[in-house]
């Protein structure tokens, strides 16, 4: 099974259930639940989770995580670009484009190996 498909979590920071499972209950004509947890493309979700989590926060992969919040007072953008590429590769994400420069929009184009 591809790493591109999986269970989605709530991605809206304004939502009270942020980072909780994304549930969309669907019922049949008799009112019975036939589907609930949303399973869909999770590439963007996985990239976001890698960026915001710090090493040690993933129980099964303690070295996984970039900890982008630590970059706020750091000016070594080259090291951060290297760290992002390294961590994405650890999760089998191929980085096609990575723009991380002072006073420029932050762009990451990455996807899982086919």
PDB file of N, CA and C in Angstrom:
ATOM      1  N   UNK A   1       0.840  -1.185   0.000  1.00  0.00           N
ATOM      2  CA  UNK A   1       0.000   0.000   0.000  1.00  0.00           C
ATOM      3  C   UNK A   1       0.881   1.244   0.000  1.00  0.00           C
ATOM      4  N   UNK A   2       0.482   2.209  -0.753  1.00  0.00           N
ATOM      5  CA  UNK A   2       1.241   3.447  -0.895  1.00  0.00           C
ATOM      6  C   UNK A   2       1.188   4.283   0.381  1.00  0.00           C
ATOM      7  N   UNK A   3       2.267   5.008   0.637  1.00  0.00           N
ATOM      8  CA  UNK A   3       2.290   5.923   1.779  1.00  0.00           C
ATOM      9  C   UNK A   3       1.487   7.185   1.481  1.00  0.00           C
ATOM     10  N   UNK A   4       1.007   7.325   0.245  1.00  0.00           N
ATOM     11  CA  UNK A   4       0.238   8.510  -0.132  1.00  0.00           C
ATOM     12  C   UNK A   4      -1.185   8.480   0.420  1.00  0.00           C
ATOM     13  N   UNK A   5      -1.689   7.297   0.708  1.00  0.00           N
ATOM     14  CA  UNK A   5      -3.068   7.144   1.154  1.00  0.00           C
ATOM     15  C   UNK A   5      -3.072   6.719   2.615  1.00  0.00           C
ATOM     16  N   UNK A   6      -3.930   7.356   3.395  1.00  0.00           N
ATOM     17  CA  UNK A   6      -4.011   7.008   4.804  1.00  0.00           C
ATOM     18  C   UNK A   6      -5.148   7.744   5.484  1.00  0.00           C
ATOM     19  N   UNK A   7      -5.210   7.622   6.785  1.00  0.00           N
ATOM     20  CA  UNK A   7      -6.256   8.269   7.573  1.00  0.00           C
ATOM     21  C   UNK A   7      -5.906   9.743   7.733  1.00  0.00           C
ATOM     22  N   UNK A   8      -6.858  10.604   7.392  1.00  0.00           N
ATOM     23  CA  UNK A   8      -6.619  12.045   7.494  1.00  0.00           C
ATOM     24  C   UNK A   8      -6.928  12.550   8.898  1.00  0.00           C
ATOM     25  N   UNK A   9      -6.200  13.594   9.283  1.00  0.00           N
ATOM     26  CA  UNK A   9      -6.473  14.278  10.542  1.00  0.00           C
ATOM     27  C   UNK A   9      -6.975  15.680  10.224  1.00  0.00           C
ATOM     28  N   UNK A  10      -7.575  16.331  11.222  1.00  0.00           N
ATOM     29  CA  UNK A  10      -8.074  17.691  11.036  1.00  0.00           C
ATOM     30  C   UNK A  10      -6.892  18.615  10.803  1.00  0.00           C
ATOM     31  N   UNK A  11      -6.918  19.392   9.735  1.00  0.00           N
ATOM     32  CA  UNK A  11      -5.791  20.245   9.405  1.00  0.00           C
ATOM     33  C   UNK A  11      -6.014  21.717   9.642  1.00  0.00           C
ATOM     34  N   UNK A  12      -7.206  22.106  10.035  1.00  0.00           N
ATOM     35  CA  UNK A  12      -7.532  23.513  10.216  1.00  0.00           C
ATOM     36  C   UNK A  12      -7.209  23.932  11.647  1.00  0.00           C
ATOM     37  N   UNK A  13      -6.225  24.797  11.795  1.00  0.00           N
ATOM     38  CA  UNK A  13      -5.809  25.249  13.118  1.00  0.00           C
ATOM     39  C   UNK A  13      -6.904  25.947  13.903  1.00  0.00           C
ATOM     40  N   UNK A  14      -7.915  26.465  13.209  1.00  0.00           N
ATOM     41  CA  UNK A  14      -9.026  27.145  13.873  1.00  0.00           C
ATOM     42  C   UNK A  14     -10.061  26.146  14.388  1.00  0.00           C
ATOM     43  N   UNK A  15     -10.001  24.924  13.914  1.00  0.00           N
ATOM     44  CA  UNK A  15     -10.968  23.893  14.277  1.00  0.00           C
ATOM     45  C   UNK A  15     -10.691  23.418  15.698  1.00  0.00           C
ATOM     46  N   UNK A  16     -11.735  23.246  16.526  1.00  0.00           N
ATOM     47  CA  UNK A  16     -11.497  22.818  17.909  1.00  0.00           C
ATOM     48  C   UNK A  16     -10.886  21.419  18.017  1.00  0.00           C
ATOM     49  N   UNK A  17     -11.058  20.597  16.994  1.00  0.00           N
ATOM     50  CA  UNK A  17     -10.513  19.238  17.006  1.00  0.00           C
ATOM     51  C   UNK A  17      -9.232  19.140  16.192  1.00  0.00           C
ATOM     52  N   UNK A  18      -8.468  20.228  16.106  1.00  0.00           N
ATOM     53  CA  UNK A  18      -7.228  20.247  15.328  1.00  0.00           C
ATOM     54  C   UNK A  18      -6.343  19.072  15.715  1.00  0.00           C
ATOM     55  N   UNK A  19      -5.807  18.380  14.717  1.00  0.00           N
ATOM     56  CA  UNK A  19      -4.931  17.217  14.854  1.00  0.00           C
ATOM     57  C   UNK A  19      -5.671  15.974  15.359  1.00  0.00           C
ATOM     58  N   UNK A  20      -6.999  15.997  15.355  1.00  0.00           N
ATOM     59  CA  UNK A  20      -7.788  14.819  15.694  1.00  0.00           C
ATOM     60  C   UNK A  20      -8.178  14.125  14.393  1.00  0.00           C
ATOM     61  N   UNK A  21      -8.687  12.914  14.467  1.00  0.00           N
ATOM     62  CA  UNK A  21      -9.103  12.206  13.263  1.00  0.00           C
ATOM     63  C   UNK A  21     -10.163  12.995  12.508  1.00  0.00           C
ATOM     64  N   UNK A  22     -10.078  12.974  11.189  1.00  0.00           N
ATOM     65  CA  UNK A  22     -11.080  13.610  10.341  1.00  0.00           C
ATOM     66  C   UNK A  22     -12.192  12.591  10.125  1.00  0.00           C
ATOM     67  N   UNK A  23     -13.351  12.848  10.716  1.00  0.00           N
ATOM     68  CA  UNK A  23     -14.475  11.917  10.649  1.00  0.00           C
ATOM     69  C   UNK A  23     -15.591  12.553   9.837  1.00  0.00           C
ATOM     70  N   UNK A  24     -16.095  11.811   8.862  1.00  0.00           N
ATOM     71  CA  UNK A  24     -17.218  12.239   8.029  1.00  0.00           C
ATOM     72  C   UNK A  24     -18.186  11.060   7.976  1.00  0.00           C
ATOM     73  N   UNK A  25     -19.132  11.043   8.908  1.00  0.00           N
ATOM     74  CA  UNK A  25     -20.047   9.906   9.032  1.00  0.00           C
ATOM     75  C   UNK A  25     -21.003   9.876   7.845  1.00  0.00           C
ATOM     76  N   UNK A  26     -21.081   8.700   7.210  1.00  0.00           N
ATOM     77  CA  UNK A  26     -22.019   8.483   6.109  1.00  0.00           C
ATOM     78  C   UNK A  26     -22.890   7.291   6.465  1.00  0.00           C
ATOM     79  N   UNK A  27     -24.188   7.450   6.239  1.00  0.00           N
ATOM     80  CA  UNK A  27     -25.139   6.398   6.600  1.00  0.00           C
ATOM     81  C   UNK A  27     -25.831   5.855   5.351  1.00  0.00           C
ATOM     82  N   UNK A  28     -26.272   4.617   5.444  1.00  0.00           N
ATOM     83  CA  UNK A  28     -27.019   4.040   4.324  1.00  0.00           C
ATOM     84  C   UNK A  28     -28.487   4.426   4.465  1.00  0.00           C
ATOM     85  N   UNK A  29     -29.333   3.888   3.593  1.00  0.00           N
ATOM     86  CA  UNK A  29     -30.754   4.252   3.590  1.00  0.00           C
ATOM     87  C   UNK A  29     -31.467   3.828   4.870  1.00  0.00           C
ATOM     88  N   UNK A  30     -30.896   2.889   5.600  1.00  0.00           N
ATOM     89  CA  UNK A  30     -31.502   2.432   6.854  1.00  0.00           C
ATOM     90  C   UNK A  30     -30.963   3.197   8.066  1.00  0.00           C
ATOM     91  N   UNK A  31     -30.053   4.122   7.828  1.00  0.00           N
ATOM     92  CA  UNK A  31     -29.499   4.922   8.911  1.00  0.00           C
ATOM     93  C   UNK A  31     -28.291   4.317   9.590  1.00  0.00           C
ATOM     94  N   UNK A  32     -27.798   3.191   9.060  1.00  0.00           N
ATOM     95  CA  UNK A  32     -26.616   2.562   9.639  1.00  0.00           C
ATOM     96  C   UNK A  32     -25.348   3.226   9.109  1.00  0.00           C
ATOM     97  N   UNK A  33     -24.359   3.377   9.965  1.00  0.00           N
ATOM     98  CA  UNK A  33     -23.091   3.985   9.557  1.00  0.00           C
ATOM     99  C   UNK A  33     -22.348   3.021   8.638  1.00  0.00           C
ATOM    100  N   UNK A  34     -21.992   3.500   7.449  1.00  0.00           N
ATOM    101  CA  UNK A  34     -21.243   2.664   6.496  1.00  0.00           C
ATOM    102  C   UNK A  34     -19.812   3.153   6.320  1.00  0.00           C
ATOM    103  N   UNK A  35     -19.569   4.387   6.710  1.00  0.00           N
ATOM    104  CA  UNK A  35     -18.223   4.952   6.603  1.00  0.00           C
ATOM    105  C   UNK A  35     -18.108   6.093   7.600  1.00  0.00           C
ATOM    106  N   UNK A  36     -16.884   6.301   8.121  1.00  0.00           N
ATOM    107  CA  UNK A  36     -16.729   7.373   9.094  1.00  0.00           C
ATOM    108  C   UNK A  36     -15.389   8.063   9.037  1.00  0.00           C
ATOM    109  N   UNK A  37     -14.320   7.303   9.171  1.00  0.00           N
ATOM    110  CA  UNK A  37     -12.986   7.892   9.147  1.00  0.00           C
ATOM    111  C   UNK A  37     -12.596   8.177   7.703  1.00  0.00           C
ATOM    112  N   UNK A  38     -12.105   9.375   7.441  1.00  0.00           N
ATOM    113  CA  UNK A  38     -11.738   9.781   6.084  1.00  0.00           C
ATOM    114  C   UNK A  38     -10.368   9.214   5.729  1.00  0.00           C
ATOM    115  N   UNK A  39     -10.331   8.443   4.643  1.00  0.00           N
ATOM    116  CA  UNK A  39      -9.093   7.883   4.103  1.00  0.00           C
ATOM    117  C   UNK A  39      -8.880   8.537   2.746  1.00  0.00           C
ATOM    118  N   UNK A  40      -7.734   9.196   2.570  1.00  0.00           N
ATOM    119  CA  UNK A  40      -7.502   9.948   1.341  1.00  0.00           C
ATOM    120  C   UNK A  40      -6.003  10.205   1.191  1.00  0.00           C
ATOM    121  N   UNK A  41      -5.652  11.079   0.265  1.00  0.00           N
ATOM    122  CA  UNK A  41      -4.258  11.462   0.031  1.00  0.00           C
ATOM    123  C   UNK A  41      -3.739  12.237   1.247  1.00  0.00           C
ATOM    124  N   UNK A  42      -2.606  11.787   1.800  1.00  0.00           N
ATOM    125  CA  UNK A  42      -2.074  12.410   3.020  1.00  0.00           C
ATOM    126  C   UNK A  42      -0.645  12.925   2.846  1.00  0.00           C
ATOM    127  N   UNK A  43      -0.215  13.139   1.608  1.00  0.00           N
ATOM    128  CA  UNK A  43       1.158  13.601   1.384  1.00  0.00           C
ATOM    129  C   UNK A  43       1.392  14.952   2.071  1.00  0.00           C
ATOM    130  N   UNK A  44       0.512  15.908   1.850  1.00  0.00           N
ATOM    131  CA  UNK A  44       0.679  17.239   2.461  1.00  0.00           C
ATOM    132  C   UNK A  44       0.617  17.147   3.984  1.00  0.00           C
ATOM    133  N   UNK A  45      -0.265  16.308   4.485  1.00  0.00           N
ATOM    134  CA  UNK A  45      -0.375  16.098   5.930  1.00  0.00           C
ATOM    135  C   UNK A  45       0.927  15.544   6.490  1.00  0.00           C
ATOM    136  N   UNK A  46       1.503  14.558   5.827  1.00  0.00           N
ATOM    137  CA  UNK A  46       2.750  13.961   6.308  1.00  0.00           C
ATOM    138  C   UNK A  46       3.906  14.950   6.258  1.00  0.00           C
ATOM    139  N   UNK A  47       3.973  15.750   5.189  1.00  0.00           N
ATOM    140  CA  UNK A  47       5.026  16.769   5.106  1.00  0.00           C
ATOM    141  C   UNK A  47       4.880  17.765   6.256  1.00  0.00           C
ATOM    142  N   UNK A  48       3.660  18.186   6.518  1.00  0.00           N
ATOM    143  CA  UNK A  48       3.415  19.141   7.605  1.00  0.00           C
ATOM    144  C   UNK A  48       3.808  18.562   8.958  1.00  0.00           C
ATOM    145  N   UNK A  49       3.439  17.309   9.194  1.00  0.00           N
ATOM    146  CA  UNK A  49       3.781  16.675  10.471  1.00  0.00           C
ATOM    147  C   UNK A  49       5.289  16.546  10.647  1.00  0.00           C
ATOM    148  N   UNK A  50       5.998  16.212   9.571  1.00  0.00           N
ATOM    149  CA  UNK A  50       7.463  16.138   9.656  1.00  0.00           C
ATOM    150  C   UNK A  50       8.058  17.501   9.995  1.00  0.00           C
ATOM    151  N   UNK A  51       7.501  18.559   9.404  1.00  0.00           N
ATOM    152  CA  UNK A  51       8.024  19.905   9.633  1.00  0.00           C
ATOM    153  C   UNK A  51       7.780  20.390  11.061  1.00  0.00           C
ATOM    154  N   UNK A  52       6.598  20.125  11.613  1.00  0.00           N
ATOM    155  CA  UNK A  52       6.270  20.706  12.922  1.00  0.00           C
ATOM    156  C   UNK A  52       6.745  19.869  14.106  1.00  0.00           C
ATOM    157  N   UNK A  53       6.945  18.564  13.907  1.00  0.00           N
ATOM    158  CA  UNK A  53       7.374  17.735  15.037  1.00  0.00           C
ATOM    159  C   UNK A  53       8.889  17.792  15.218  1.00  0.00           C
ATOM    160  N   UNK A  54       9.312  17.549  16.435  1.00  0.00           N
ATOM    161  CA  UNK A  54      10.731  17.548  16.788  1.00  0.00           C
ATOM    162  C   UNK A  54      11.218  16.107  16.935  1.00  0.00           C
ATOM    163  N   UNK A  55      12.505  15.871  16.731  1.00  0.00           N
ATOM    164  CA  UNK A  55      13.033  14.529  16.979  1.00  0.00           C
ATOM    165  C   UNK A  55      12.691  14.090  18.408  1.00  0.00           C
ATOM    166  N   UNK A  56      12.271  12.844  18.525  1.00  0.00           N
ATOM    167  CA  UNK A  56      11.876  12.317  19.822  1.00  0.00           C
ATOM    168  C   UNK A  56      10.380  12.293  20.042  1.00  0.00           C
ATOM    169  N   UNK A  57       9.607  12.952  19.187  1.00  0.00           N
ATOM    170  CA  UNK A  57       8.158  12.982  19.349  1.00  0.00           C
ATOM    171  C   UNK A  57       7.464  11.801  18.668  1.00  0.00           C
ATOM    172  N   UNK A  58       8.164  11.091  17.806  1.00  0.00           N
ATOM    173  CA  UNK A  58       7.604   9.908  17.140  1.00  0.00           C
ATOM    174  C   UNK A  58       8.119   8.679  17.885  1.00  0.00           C
ATOM    175  N   UNK A  59       7.241   7.985  18.557  1.00  0.00           N
ATOM    176  CA  UNK A  59       7.642   6.837  19.376  1.00  0.00           C
ATOM    177  C   UNK A  59       8.332   5.756  18.548  1.00  0.00           C
ATOM    178  N   UNK A  60       7.813   5.440  17.379  1.00  0.00           N
ATOM    179  CA  UNK A  60       8.370   4.363  16.563  1.00  0.00           C
ATOM    180  C   UNK A  60       9.596   4.804  15.758  1.00  0.00           C
ATOM    181  N   UNK A  61       9.777   6.108  15.584  1.00  0.00           N
ATOM    182  CA  UNK A  61      10.940   6.642  14.858  1.00  0.00           C
ATOM    183  C   UNK A  61      11.479   7.852  15.613  1.00  0.00           C
ATOM    184  N   UNK A  62      12.226   7.651  16.671  1.00  0.00           N
ATOM    185  CA  UNK A  62      12.645   8.765  17.528  1.00  0.00           C
ATOM    186  C   UNK A  62      13.557   9.791  16.862  1.00  0.00           C
ATOM    187  N   UNK A  63      14.168   9.458  15.734  1.00  0.00           N
ATOM    188  CA  UNK A  63      15.028  10.439  15.060  1.00  0.00           C
ATOM    189  C   UNK A  63      14.259  11.254  14.030  1.00  0.00           C
ATOM    190  N   UNK A  64      12.991  10.910  13.796  1.00  0.00           N
ATOM    191  CA  UNK A  64      12.184  11.585  12.780  1.00  0.00           C
ATOM    192  C   UNK A  64      11.626  12.897  13.319  1.00  0.00           C
ATOM    193  N   UNK A  65      11.629  13.942  12.514  1.00  0.00           N
ATOM    194  CA  UNK A  65      11.085  15.239  12.894  1.00  0.00           C
ATOM    195  C   UNK A  65      12.085  16.352  12.631  1.00  0.00           C
ATOM    196  N   UNK A  66      11.577  17.481  12.154  1.00  0.00           N
ATOM    197  CA  UNK A  66      12.437  18.603  11.780  1.00  0.00           C
ATOM    198  C   UNK A  66      12.433  19.687  12.850  1.00  0.00           C
ATOM    199  N   UNK A  67      11.296  19.933  13.476  1.00  0.00           N
ATOM    200  CA  UNK A  67      11.223  20.957  14.515  1.00  0.00           C
ATOM    201  C   UNK A  67      11.396  22.353  13.950  1.00  0.00           C
ATOM    202  N   UNK A  68      10.596  22.677  12.949  1.00  0.00           N
ATOM    203  CA  UNK A  68      10.736  23.950  12.242  1.00  0.00           C
ATOM    204  C   UNK A  68      10.575  25.164  13.158  1.00  0.00           C
ATOM    205  N   UNK A  69       9.881  25.010  14.273  1.00  0.00           N
ATOM    206  CA  UNK A  69       9.721  26.145  15.191  1.00  0.00           C
ATOM    207  C   UNK A  69      11.069  26.608  15.750  1.00  0.00           C
ATOM    208  N   UNK A  70      12.052  25.730  15.776  1.00  0.00           N
ATOM    209  CA  UNK A  70      13.390  26.110  16.247  1.00  0.00           C
ATOM    210  C   UNK A  70      14.111  27.034  15.272  1.00  0.00           C
ATOM    211  N   UNK A  71      13.590  27.148  14.063  1.00  0.00           N
ATOM    212  CA  UNK A  71      14.242  27.968  13.049  1.00  0.00           C
ATOM    213  C   UNK A  71      13.976  29.465  13.241  1.00  0.00           C
ATOM    214  N   UNK A  72      13.036  29.812  14.098  1.00  0.00           N
ATOM    215  CA  UNK A  72      12.606  31.203  14.232  1.00  0.00           C
ATOM    216  C   UNK A  72      13.749  32.181  14.477  1.00  0.00           C
ATOM    217  N   UNK A  73      14.686  31.835  15.309  1.00  0.00           N
ATOM    218  CA  UNK A  73      15.793  32.743  15.612  1.00  0.00           C
ATOM    219  C   UNK A  73      17.110  32.284  14.998  1.00  0.00           C
ATOM    220  N   UNK A  74      17.036  31.340  14.082  1.00  0.00           N
ATOM    221  CA  UNK A  74      18.229  30.789  13.441  1.00  0.00           C
ATOM    222  C   UNK A  74      18.375  31.402  12.049  1.00  0.00           C
ATOM    223  N   UNK A  75      19.592  31.587  11.608  1.00  0.00           N
ATOM    224  CA  UNK A  75      19.826  32.179  10.291  1.00  0.00           C
ATOM    225  C   UNK A  75      20.596  31.252   9.364  1.00  0.00           C
ATOM    226  N   UNK A  76      20.781  30.014   9.774  1.00  0.00           N
ATOM    227  CA  UNK A  76      21.514  29.050   8.953  1.00  0.00           C
ATOM    228  C   UNK A  76      20.530  28.278   8.069  1.00  0.00           C
ATOM    229  N   UNK A  77      20.077  28.939   7.012  1.00  0.00           N
ATOM    230  CA  UNK A  77      19.070  28.352   6.129  1.00  0.00           C
ATOM    231  C   UNK A  77      19.598  27.124   5.395  1.00  0.00           C
ATOM    232  N   UNK A  78      20.881  27.093   5.108  1.00  0.00           N
ATOM    233  CA  UNK A  78      21.473  25.938   4.434  1.00  0.00           C
ATOM    234  C   UNK A  78      21.330  24.686   5.295  1.00  0.00           C
ATOM    235  N   UNK A  79      21.590  24.815   6.582  1.00  0.00           N
ATOM    236  CA  UNK A  79      21.445  23.666   7.488  1.00  0.00           C
ATOM    237  C   UNK A  79      19.994  23.194   7.550  1.00  0.00           C
ATOM    238  N   UNK A  80      19.050  24.146   7.573  1.00  0.00           N
ATOM    239  CA  UNK A  80      17.638  23.773   7.619  1.00  0.00           C
ATOM    240  C   UNK A  80      17.199  23.092   6.325  1.00  0.00           C
ATOM    241  N   UNK A  81      17.688  23.574   5.189  1.00  0.00           N
ATOM    242  CA  UNK A  81      17.358  22.910   3.916  1.00  0.00           C
ATOM    243  C   UNK A  81      17.898  21.485   3.926  1.00  0.00           C
ATOM    244  N   UNK A  82      19.119  21.312   4.431  1.00  0.00           N
ATOM    245  CA  UNK A  82      19.715  19.977   4.529  1.00  0.00           C
ATOM    246  C   UNK A  82      18.892  19.086   5.464  1.00  0.00           C
ATOM    247  N   UNK A  83      18.498  19.629   6.600  1.00  0.00           N
ATOM    248  CA  UNK A  83      17.716  18.858   7.574  1.00  0.00           C
ATOM    249  C   UNK A  83      16.374  18.422   6.979  1.00  0.00           C
ATOM    250  N   UNK A  84      15.726  19.326   6.248  1.00  0.00           N
ATOM    251  CA  UNK A  84      14.443  18.991   5.621  1.00  0.00           C
ATOM    252  C   UNK A  84      14.624  17.872   4.604  1.00  0.00           C
ATOM    253  N   UNK A  85      15.620  17.992   3.734  1.00  0.00           N
ATOM    254  CA  UNK A  85      15.873  16.943   2.734  1.00  0.00           C
ATOM    255  C   UNK A  85      16.186  15.604   3.413  1.00  0.00           C
ATOM    256  N   UNK A  86      16.994  15.648   4.443  1.00  0.00           N
ATOM    257  CA  UNK A  86      17.390  14.438   5.156  1.00  0.00           C
ATOM    258  C   UNK A  86      16.184  13.756   5.813  1.00  0.00           C
ATOM    259  N   UNK A  87      15.355  14.536   6.481  1.00  0.00           N
ATOM    260  CA  UNK A  87      14.193  13.970   7.161  1.00  0.00           C
ATOM    261  C   UNK A  87      13.134  13.475   6.178  1.00  0.00           C
ATOM    262  N   UNK A  88      12.938  14.214   5.089  1.00  0.00           N
ATOM    263  CA  UNK A  88      11.980  13.762   4.078  1.00  0.00           C
ATOM    264  C   UNK A  88      12.459  12.455   3.454  1.00  0.00           C
ATOM    265  N   UNK A  89      13.754  12.334   3.205  1.00  0.00           N
ATOM    266  CA  UNK A  89      14.310  11.098   2.637  1.00  0.00           C
ATOM    267  C   UNK A  89      14.118   9.936   3.609  1.00  0.00           C
ATOM    268  N   UNK A  90      14.235  10.204   4.893  1.00  0.00           N
ATOM    269  CA  UNK A  90      14.040   9.161   5.897  1.00  0.00           C
ATOM    270  C   UNK A  90      12.614   8.614   5.829  1.00  0.00           C
ATOM    271  N   UNK A  91      11.663   9.452   5.432  1.00  0.00           N
ATOM    272  CA  UNK A  91      10.271   9.029   5.280  1.00  0.00           C
ATOM    273  C   UNK A  91       9.958   8.631   3.833  1.00  0.00           C
ATOM    274  N   UNK A  92      10.996   8.501   3.004  1.00  0.00           N
ATOM    275  CA  UNK A  92      10.898   8.108   1.594  1.00  0.00           C
ATOM    276  C   UNK A  92      10.220   9.160   0.720  1.00  0.00           C
ATOM    277  N   UNK A  93      10.271  10.416   1.140  1.00  0.00           N
ATOM    278  CA  UNK A  93       9.780  11.525   0.321  1.00  0.00           C
ATOM    279  C   UNK A  93      10.929  12.043  -0.537  1.00  0.00           C
ATOM    280  N   UNK A  94      10.675  12.206  -1.826  1.00  0.00           N
ATOM    281  CA  UNK A  94      11.668  12.749  -2.746  1.00  0.00           C
ATOM    282  C   UNK A  94      11.401  14.245  -2.883  1.00  0.00           C
ATOM    283  N   UNK A  95      12.400  15.071  -2.611  1.00  0.00           N
ATOM    284  CA  UNK A  95      12.255  16.525  -2.708  1.00  0.00           C
ATOM    285  C   UNK A  95      12.659  16.959  -4.112  1.00  0.00           C
ATOM    286  N   UNK A  96      11.703  17.537  -4.837  1.00  0.00           N
ATOM    287  CA  UNK A  96      11.957  18.022  -6.189  1.00  0.00           C
ATOM    288  C   UNK A  96      12.345  19.499  -6.184  1.00  0.00           C
ATOM    289  N   UNK A  97      11.790  20.241  -5.222  1.00  0.00           N
ATOM    290  CA  UNK A  97      12.109  21.672  -5.116  1.00  0.00           C
ATOM    291  C   UNK A  97      12.006  22.064  -3.649  1.00  0.00           C
ATOM    292  N   UNK A  98      12.994  22.813  -3.200  1.00  0.00           N
ATOM    293  CA  UNK A  98      12.997  23.303  -1.825  1.00  0.00           C
ATOM    294  C   UNK A  98      13.534  24.724  -1.826  1.00  0.00           C
ATOM    295  N   UNK A  99      12.646  25.673  -1.611  1.00  0.00           N
ATOM    296  CA  UNK A  99      13.024  27.084  -1.532  1.00  0.00           C
ATOM    297  C   UNK A  99      12.856  27.542  -0.088  1.00  0.00           C
ATOM    298  N   UNK A 100      13.958  27.793   0.563  1.00  0.00           N
ATOM    299  CA  UNK A 100      13.958  28.283   1.937  1.00  0.00           C
ATOM    300  C   UNK A 100      15.072  29.306   2.049  1.00  0.00           C
ATOM    301  N   UNK A 101      14.668  30.572   1.878  1.00  0.00           N
ATOM    302  CA  UNK A 101      15.619  31.676   1.885  1.00  0.00           C
ATOM    303  C   UNK A 101      15.025  32.822   2.696  1.00  0.00           C
ATOM    304  N   UNK A 102      15.855  33.702   3.247  1.00  0.00           N
ATOM    305  CA  UNK A 102      15.342  34.834   4.021  1.00  0.00           C
ATOM    306  C   UNK A 102      14.413  35.710   3.177  1.00  0.00           C
ATOM    307  N   UNK A 103      13.309  36.121   3.775  1.00  0.00           N
ATOM    308  CA  UNK A 103      12.357  37.056   3.169  1.00  0.00           C
ATOM    309  C   UNK A 103      11.780  36.570   1.847  1.00  0.00           C
ATOM    310  N   UNK A 104      11.664  35.275   1.674  1.00  0.00           N
ATOM    311  CA  UNK A 104      11.073  34.676   0.467  1.00  0.00           C
ATOM    312  C   UNK A 104      10.023  33.660   0.909  1.00  0.00           C
ATOM    313  N   UNK A 105       9.047  33.385   0.038  1.00  0.00           N
ATOM    314  CA  UNK A 105       8.070  32.340   0.377  1.00  0.00           C
ATOM    315  C   UNK A 105       8.754  30.978   0.527  1.00  0.00           C
ATOM    316  N   UNK A 106       8.272  30.198   1.441  1.00  0.00           N
ATOM    317  CA  UNK A 106       8.788  28.860   1.738  1.00  0.00           C
ATOM    318  C   UNK A 106       8.067  27.872   0.820  1.00  0.00           C
ATOM    319  N   UNK A 107       8.805  27.168  -0.041  1.00  0.00           N
ATOM    320  CA  UNK A 107       8.206  26.242  -1.008  1.00  0.00           C
ATOM    321  C   UNK A 107       8.874  24.876  -0.890  1.00  0.00           C
ATOM    322  N   UNK A 108       8.050  23.846  -0.736  1.00  0.00           N
ATOM    323  CA  UNK A 108       8.556  22.471  -0.769  1.00  0.00           C
ATOM    324  C   UNK A 108       7.693  21.684  -1.742  1.00  0.00           C
ATOM    325  N   UNK A 109       8.330  21.139  -2.770  1.00  0.00           N
ATOM    326  CA  UNK A 109       7.657  20.231  -3.698  1.00  0.00           C
ATOM    327  C   UNK A 109       8.284  18.864  -3.476  1.00  0.00           C
ATOM    328  N   UNK A 110       7.533  17.967  -2.857  1.00  0.00           N
ATOM    329  CA  UNK A 110       8.040  16.627  -2.544  1.00  0.00           C
ATOM    330  C   UNK A 110       6.900  15.627  -2.655  1.00  0.00           C
ATOM    331  N   UNK A 111       7.267  14.393  -2.971  1.00  0.00           N
ATOM    332  CA  UNK A 111       6.279  13.334  -3.081  1.00  0.00           C
ATOM    333  C   UNK A 111       6.945  12.001  -2.778  1.00  0.00           C
ATOM    334  N   UNK A 112       6.138  10.998  -2.520  1.00  0.00           N
ATOM    335  CA  UNK A 112       6.680   9.672  -2.234  1.00  0.00           C
ATOM    336  C   UNK A 112       7.185   9.000  -3.494  1.00  0.00           C
ATOM    337  N   UNK A 113       8.202   8.163  -3.324  1.00  0.00           N
ATOM    338  CA  UNK A 113       8.739   7.392  -4.446  1.00  0.00           C
ATOM    339  C   UNK A 113       7.631   6.513  -5.001  1.00  0.00           C
ATOM    340  N   UNK A 114       7.680   6.305  -6.302  1.00  0.00           N
ATOM    341  CA  UNK A 114       6.644   5.464  -6.929  1.00  0.00           C
ATOM    342  C   UNK A 114       6.999   4.019  -6.858  1.00  0.00           C
TER     343      UNK A 114
END
